[in-house]
Amino acid sequence: MTPAFLSLSRREALRADLPHVADLLHRRRAGEIDEAVIDDMVSLAWLEWLGGSLQLTTVGTNICRQQQPK
């Protein structure tokens, strides 16, 4: 699914879930992330597959930083 077809509410839900996903990736627990979430975040360029591993992109990292308390 391309980003243009994701509803605003779905994007907001994904944005809210991204820090948790990032934490799971950091702890090497990507298997606990729902496949639909992975697919949608990859389509938004927040996650990418690199050498068989799932990781945050620069965009995903920046979105996580935006959500941190100031």
PDB file of N, CA and C in Angstrom:
ATOM      1  N   MET A   1       0.851  -1.179   0.000  1.00  0.00           N
ATOM      2  CA  MET A   1       0.000   0.000   0.000  1.00  0.00           C
ATOM      3  C   MET A   1       0.896   1.242   0.000  1.00  0.00           C
ATOM      4  N   THR A   2       0.591   2.197  -0.825  1.00  0.00           N
ATOM      5  CA  THR A   2       1.385   3.413  -0.889  1.00  0.00           C
ATOM      6  C   THR A   2       0.897   4.405   0.150  1.00  0.00           C
ATOM      7  N   PRO A   3       1.756   5.334   0.571  1.00  0.00           N
ATOM      8  CA  PRO A   3       1.364   6.284   1.617  1.00  0.00           C
ATOM      9  C   PRO A   3       0.104   7.066   1.280  1.00  0.00           C
ATOM     10  N   ALA A   4      -0.136   7.341   0.003  1.00  0.00           N
ATOM     11  CA  ALA A   4      -1.313   8.122  -0.377  1.00  0.00           C
ATOM     12  C   ALA A   4      -2.613   7.415  -0.007  1.00  0.00           C
ATOM     13  N   PHE A   5      -2.583   6.100   0.141  1.00  0.00           N
ATOM     14  CA  PHE A   5      -3.798   5.349   0.438  1.00  0.00           C
ATOM     15  C   PHE A   5      -3.991   5.085   1.928  1.00  0.00           C
ATOM     16  N   LEU A   6      -3.066   5.529   2.759  1.00  0.00           N
ATOM     17  CA  LEU A   6      -3.233   5.369   4.199  1.00  0.00           C
ATOM     18  C   LEU A   6      -4.060   6.536   4.726  1.00  0.00           C
ATOM     19  N   SER A   7      -5.072   6.215   5.490  1.00  0.00           N
ATOM     20  CA  SER A   7      -5.925   7.275   6.040  1.00  0.00           C
ATOM     21  C   SER A   7      -5.147   8.088   7.074  1.00  0.00           C
ATOM     22  N   LEU A   8      -5.631   9.271   7.323  1.00  0.00           N
ATOM     23  CA  LEU A   8      -5.004  10.138   8.312  1.00  0.00           C
ATOM     24  C   LEU A   8      -4.997   9.472   9.683  1.00  0.00           C
ATOM     25  N   SER A   9      -6.084   8.822  10.045  1.00  0.00           N
ATOM     26  CA  SER A   9      -6.151   8.169  11.352  1.00  0.00           C
ATOM     27  C   SER A   9      -5.138   7.014  11.433  1.00  0.00           C
ATOM     28  N   ARG A  10      -4.946   6.293  10.319  1.00  0.00           N
ATOM     29  CA  ARG A  10      -3.960   5.204  10.296  1.00  0.00           C
ATOM     30  C   ARG A  10      -2.553   5.779  10.445  1.00  0.00           C
ATOM     31  N   ARG A  11      -2.267   6.871   9.747  1.00  0.00           N
ATOM     32  CA  ARG A  11      -0.939   7.498   9.872  1.00  0.00           C
ATOM     33  C   ARG A  11      -0.691   7.977  11.296  1.00  0.00           C
ATOM     34  N   GLU A  12      -1.708   8.566  11.912  1.00  0.00           N
ATOM     35  CA  GLU A  12      -1.556   9.038  13.294  1.00  0.00           C
ATOM     36  C   GLU A  12      -1.319   7.869  14.239  1.00  0.00           C
ATOM     37  N   ALA A  13      -2.020   6.762  14.028  1.00  0.00           N
ATOM     38  CA  ALA A  13      -1.821   5.573  14.861  1.00  0.00           C
ATOM     39  C   ALA A  13      -0.410   5.023  14.671  1.00  0.00           C
ATOM     40  N   LEU A  14       0.051   4.998  13.446  1.00  0.00           N
ATOM     41  CA  LEU A  14       1.410   4.519  13.179  1.00  0.00           C
ATOM     42  C   LEU A  14       2.445   5.441  13.821  1.00  0.00           C
ATOM     43  N   ARG A  15       2.217   6.743  13.725  1.00  0.00           N
ATOM     44  CA  ARG A  15       3.137   7.713  14.337  1.00  0.00           C
ATOM     45  C   ARG A  15       3.210   7.494  15.848  1.00  0.00           C
ATOM     46  N   ALA A  16       2.059   7.264  16.469  1.00  0.00           N
ATOM     47  CA  ALA A  16       2.031   7.030  17.911  1.00  0.00           C
ATOM     48  C   ALA A  16       2.738   5.733  18.282  1.00  0.00           C
ATOM     49  N   ASP A  17       2.682   4.745  17.407  1.00  0.00           N
ATOM     50  CA  ASP A  17       3.277   3.431  17.669  1.00  0.00           C
ATOM     51  C   ASP A  17       4.763   3.364  17.320  1.00  0.00           C
ATOM     52  N   LEU A  18       5.251   4.318  16.554  1.00  0.00           N
ATOM     53  CA  LEU A  18       6.636   4.265  16.077  1.00  0.00           C
ATOM     54  C   LEU A  18       7.677   4.182  17.191  1.00  0.00           C
ATOM     55  N   PRO A  19       7.589   4.940  18.280  1.00  0.00           N
ATOM     56  CA  PRO A  19       8.598   4.794  19.335  1.00  0.00           C
ATOM     57  C   PRO A  19       8.639   3.378  19.920  1.00  0.00           C
ATOM     58  N   HIS A  20       7.483   2.744  20.056  1.00  0.00           N
ATOM     59  CA  HIS A  20       7.436   1.358  20.553  1.00  0.00           C
ATOM     60  C   HIS A  20       8.099   0.422  19.545  1.00  0.00           C
ATOM     61  N   VAL A  21       7.819   0.620  18.270  1.00  0.00           N
ATOM     62  CA  VAL A  21       8.441  -0.185  17.221  1.00  0.00           C
ATOM     63  C   VAL A  21       9.955   0.009  17.239  1.00  0.00           C
ATOM     64  N   ALA A  22      10.390   1.249  17.384  1.00  0.00           N
ATOM     65  CA  ALA A  22      11.827   1.535  17.444  1.00  0.00           C
ATOM     66  C   ALA A  22      12.473   0.821  18.636  1.00  0.00           C
ATOM     67  N   ASP A  23      11.772   0.807  19.764  1.00  0.00           N
ATOM     68  CA  ASP A  23      12.290   0.112  20.942  1.00  0.00           C
ATOM     69  C   ASP A  23      12.400  -1.391  20.691  1.00  0.00           C
ATOM     70  N   LEU A  24      11.395  -1.964  20.065  1.00  0.00           N
ATOM     71  CA  LEU A  24      11.447  -3.391  19.740  1.00  0.00           C
ATOM     72  C   LEU A  24      12.613  -3.692  18.799  1.00  0.00           C
ATOM     73  N   LEU A  25      12.832  -2.837  17.816  1.00  0.00           N
ATOM     74  CA  LEU A  25      13.961  -3.039  16.907  1.00  0.00           C
ATOM     75  C   LEU A  25      15.285  -2.938  17.653  1.00  0.00           C
ATOM     76  N   HIS A  26      15.377  -1.968  18.543  1.00  0.00           N
ATOM     77  CA  HIS A  26      16.598  -1.788  19.339  1.00  0.00           C
ATOM     78  C   HIS A  26      16.893  -3.023  20.191  1.00  0.00           C
ATOM     79  N   ARG A  27      15.828  -3.645  20.713  1.00  0.00           N
ATOM     80  CA  ARG A  27      15.987  -4.848  21.546  1.00  0.00           C
ATOM     81  C   ARG A  27      16.008  -6.130  20.717  1.00  0.00           C
ATOM     82  N   ARG A  28      16.061  -5.983  19.376  1.00  0.00           N
ATOM     83  CA  ARG A  28      16.114  -7.124  18.455  1.00  0.00           C
ATOM     84  C   ARG A  28      14.897  -8.046  18.613  1.00  0.00           C
ATOM     85  N   ARG A  29      13.721  -7.428  18.680  1.00  0.00           N
ATOM     86  CA  ARG A  29      12.473  -8.176  18.838  1.00  0.00           C
ATOM     87  C   ARG A  29      11.497  -7.818  17.723  1.00  0.00           C
ATOM     88  N   ALA A  30      12.015  -7.687  16.518  1.00  0.00           N
ATOM     89  CA  ALA A  30      11.188  -7.295  15.373  1.00  0.00           C
ATOM     90  C   ALA A  30      10.068  -8.296  15.112  1.00  0.00           C
ATOM     91  N   GLY A  31      10.239  -9.521  15.538  1.00  0.00           N
ATOM     92  CA  GLY A  31       9.208 -10.535  15.348  1.00  0.00           C
ATOM     93  C   GLY A  31       7.918 -10.229  16.080  1.00  0.00           C
ATOM     94  N   GLU A  32       7.968  -9.309  17.037  1.00  0.00           N
ATOM     95  CA  GLU A  32       6.778  -8.929  17.798  1.00  0.00           C
ATOM     96  C   GLU A  32       5.986  -7.801  17.128  1.00  0.00           C
ATOM     97  N   ILE A  33       6.497  -7.289  16.023  1.00  0.00           N
ATOM     98  CA  ILE A  33       5.825  -6.194  15.316  1.00  0.00           C
ATOM     99  C   ILE A  33       4.872  -6.799  14.283  1.00  0.00           C
ATOM    100  N   ASP A  34       3.647  -6.342  14.291  1.00  0.00           N
ATOM    101  CA  ASP A  34       2.642  -6.831  13.349  1.00  0.00           C
ATOM    102  C   ASP A  34       3.102  -6.569  11.910  1.00  0.00           C
ATOM    103  N   GLU A  35       2.890  -7.538  11.046  1.00  0.00           N
ATOM    104  CA  GLU A  35       3.327  -7.416   9.650  1.00  0.00           C
ATOM    105  C   GLU A  35       2.662  -6.248   8.935  1.00  0.00           C
ATOM    106  N   ALA A  36       1.399  -5.965   9.242  1.00  0.00           N
ATOM    107  CA  ALA A  36       0.704  -4.839   8.610  1.00  0.00           C
ATOM    108  C   ALA A  36       1.349  -3.517   9.021  1.00  0.00           C
ATOM    109  N   VAL A  37       1.783  -3.431  10.275  1.00  0.00           N
ATOM    110  CA  VAL A  37       2.467  -2.226  10.756  1.00  0.00           C
ATOM    111  C   VAL A  37       3.789  -2.069  10.013  1.00  0.00           C
ATOM    112  N   ILE A  38       4.526  -3.147   9.879  1.00  0.00           N
ATOM    113  CA  ILE A  38       5.796  -3.100   9.145  1.00  0.00           C
ATOM    114  C   ILE A  38       5.552  -2.638   7.713  1.00  0.00           C
ATOM    115  N   ASP A  39       4.587  -3.256   7.041  1.00  0.00           N
ATOM    116  CA  ASP A  39       4.301  -2.900   5.651  1.00  0.00           C
ATOM    117  C   ASP A  39       3.942  -1.422   5.511  1.00  0.00           C
ATOM    118  N   ASP A  40       3.097  -0.934   6.402  1.00  0.00           N
ATOM    119  CA  ASP A  40       2.678   0.469   6.322  1.00  0.00           C
ATOM    120  C   ASP A  40       3.840   1.412   6.628  1.00  0.00           C
ATOM    121  N   MET A  41       4.653   1.077   7.613  1.00  0.00           N
ATOM    122  CA  MET A  41       5.786   1.940   7.948  1.00  0.00           C
ATOM    123  C   MET A  41       6.855   1.914   6.865  1.00  0.00           C
ATOM    124  N   VAL A  42       7.017   0.785   6.200  1.00  0.00           N
ATOM    125  CA  VAL A  42       7.940   0.724   5.069  1.00  0.00           C
ATOM    126  C   VAL A  42       7.401   1.589   3.929  1.00  0.00           C
ATOM    127  N   SER A  43       6.090   1.529   3.682  1.00  0.00           N
ATOM    128  CA  SER A  43       5.504   2.335   2.606  1.00  0.00           C
ATOM    129  C   SER A  43       5.629   3.832   2.892  1.00  0.00           C
ATOM    130  N   LEU A  44       5.677   4.197   4.172  1.00  0.00           N
ATOM    131  CA  LEU A  44       5.853   5.600   4.561  1.00  0.00           C
ATOM    132  C   LEU A  44       7.328   6.002   4.634  1.00  0.00           C
ATOM    133  N   ALA A  45       8.225   5.046   4.395  1.00  0.00           N
ATOM    134  CA  ALA A  45       9.681   5.253   4.458  1.00  0.00           C
ATOM    135  C   ALA A  45      10.151   5.549   5.875  1.00  0.00           C
ATOM    136  N   TRP A  46       9.441   4.989   6.865  1.00  0.00           N
ATOM    137  CA  TRP A  46       9.868   5.109   8.256  1.00  0.00           C
ATOM    138  C   TRP A  46      10.739   3.934   8.651  1.00  0.00           C
ATOM    139  N   LEU A  47      10.541   2.795   7.998  1.00  0.00           N
ATOM    140  CA  LEU A  47      11.344   1.591   8.210  1.00  0.00           C
ATOM    141  C   LEU A  47      11.868   1.130   6.860  1.00  0.00           C
ATOM    142  N   GLU A  48      12.969   0.391   6.899  1.00  0.00           N
ATOM    143  CA  GLU A  48      13.508  -0.185   5.677  1.00  0.00           C
ATOM    144  C   GLU A  48      14.167  -1.517   6.002  1.00  0.00           C
ATOM    145  N   TRP A  49      14.226  -2.350   4.980  1.00  0.00           N
ATOM    146  CA  TRP A  49      14.940  -3.615   5.086  1.00  0.00           C
ATOM    147  C   TRP A  49      16.348  -3.379   4.572  1.00  0.00           C
ATOM    148  N   LEU A  50      17.333  -3.756   5.359  1.00  0.00           N
ATOM    149  CA  LEU A  50      18.724  -3.603   4.959  1.00  0.00           C
ATOM    150  C   LEU A  50      19.475  -4.873   5.337  1.00  0.00           C
ATOM    151  N   GLY A  51      19.917  -5.599   4.332  1.00  0.00           N
ATOM    152  CA  GLY A  51      20.648  -6.834   4.583  1.00  0.00           C
ATOM    153  C   GLY A  51      19.855  -7.844   5.379  1.00  0.00           C
ATOM    154  N   GLY A  52      18.551  -7.898   5.163  1.00  0.00           N
ATOM    155  CA  GLY A  52      17.704  -8.848   5.869  1.00  0.00           C
ATOM    156  C   GLY A  52      17.271  -8.397   7.252  1.00  0.00           C
ATOM    157  N   SER A  53      17.682  -7.199   7.642  1.00  0.00           N
ATOM    158  CA  SER A  53      17.299  -6.655   8.948  1.00  0.00           C
ATOM    159  C   SER A  53      16.404  -5.442   8.759  1.00  0.00           C
ATOM    160  N   LEU A  54      15.460  -5.319   9.638  1.00  0.00           N
ATOM    161  CA  LEU A  54      14.551  -4.180   9.622  1.00  0.00           C
ATOM    162  C   LEU A  54      15.154  -3.078  10.481  1.00  0.00           C
ATOM    163  N   GLN A  55      15.156  -1.854   9.956  1.00  0.00           N
ATOM    164  CA  GLN A  55      15.701  -0.742  10.730  1.00  0.00           C
ATOM    165  C   GLN A  55      14.943   0.539  10.447  1.00  0.00           C
ATOM    166  N   LEU A  56      15.087   1.492  11.361  1.00  0.00           N
ATOM    167  CA  LEU A  56      14.492   2.811  11.168  1.00  0.00           C
ATOM    168  C   LEU A  56      15.249   3.542  10.071  1.00  0.00           C
ATOM    169  N   THR A  57      14.521   4.310   9.281  1.00  0.00           N
ATOM    170  CA  THR A  57      15.163   5.201   8.322  1.00  0.00           C
ATOM    171  C   THR A  57      15.464   6.520   9.034  1.00  0.00           C
ATOM    172  N   THR A  58      16.100   7.422   8.336  1.00  0.00           N
ATOM    173  CA  THR A  58      16.336   8.755   8.887  1.00  0.00           C
ATOM    174  C   THR A  58      15.010   9.441   9.177  1.00  0.00           C
ATOM    175  N   VAL A  59      14.045   9.267   8.299  1.00  0.00           N
ATOM    176  CA  VAL A  59      12.711   9.852   8.510  1.00  0.00           C
ATOM    177  C   VAL A  59      12.085   9.283   9.782  1.00  0.00           C
ATOM    178  N   GLY A  60      12.136   7.966   9.943  1.00  0.00           N
ATOM    179  CA  GLY A  60      11.587   7.330  11.131  1.00  0.00           C
ATOM    180  C   GLY A  60      12.260   7.803  12.404  1.00  0.00           C
ATOM    181  N   THR A  61      13.571   7.938  12.348  1.00  0.00           N
ATOM    182  CA  THR A  61      14.323   8.437  13.506  1.00  0.00           C
ATOM    183  C   THR A  61      13.889   9.858  13.856  1.00  0.00           C
ATOM    184  N   ASN A  62      13.730  10.693  12.845  1.00  0.00           N
ATOM    185  CA  ASN A  62      13.307  12.078  13.091  1.00  0.00           C
ATOM    186  C   ASN A  62      11.903  12.146  13.680  1.00  0.00           C
ATOM    187  N   ILE A  63      11.011  11.294  13.218  1.00  0.00           N
ATOM    188  CA  ILE A  63       9.647  11.275  13.773  1.00  0.00           C
ATOM    189  C   ILE A  63       9.686  10.860  15.239  1.00  0.00           C
ATOM    190  N   CYS A  64      10.503   9.878  15.568  1.00  0.00           N
ATOM    191  CA  CYS A  64      10.639   9.468  16.977  1.00  0.00           C
ATOM    192  C   CYS A  64      11.162  10.621  17.819  1.00  0.00           C
ATOM    193  N   ARG A  65      12.148  11.348  17.314  1.00  0.00           N
ATOM    194  CA  ARG A  65      12.712  12.477  18.050  1.00  0.00           C
ATOM    195  C   ARG A  65      11.680  13.573  18.267  1.00  0.00           C
ATOM    196  N   GLN A  66      10.816  13.801  17.278  1.00  0.00           N
ATOM    197  CA  GLN A  66       9.780  14.822  17.405  1.00  0.00           C
ATOM    198  C   GLN A  66       8.805  14.497  18.528  1.00  0.00           C
ATOM    199  N   GLN A  67       8.654  13.228  18.854  1.00  0.00           N
ATOM    200  CA  GLN A  67       7.682  12.824  19.860  1.00  0.00           C
ATOM    201  C   GLN A  67       8.257  12.803  21.274  1.00  0.00           C
ATOM    202  N   GLN A  68       9.559  12.998  21.400  1.00  0.00           N
ATOM    203  CA  GLN A  68      10.164  12.995  22.728  1.00  0.00           C
ATOM    204  C   GLN A  68       9.790  14.276  23.459  1.00  0.00           C
ATOM    205  N   PRO A  69       9.570  14.163  24.768  1.00  0.00           N
ATOM    206  CA  PRO A  69       9.244  15.368  25.545  1.00  0.00           C
ATOM    207  C   PRO A  69      10.402  16.351  25.492  1.00  0.00           C
ATOM    208  N   LYS A  70      10.048  17.608  25.450  1.00  0.00           N
ATOM    209  CA  LYS A  70      11.090  18.653  25.373  1.00  0.00           C
ATOM    210  C   LYS A  70      11.541  19.106  26.728  1.00  0.00           C
TER     211      LYS A  70
END
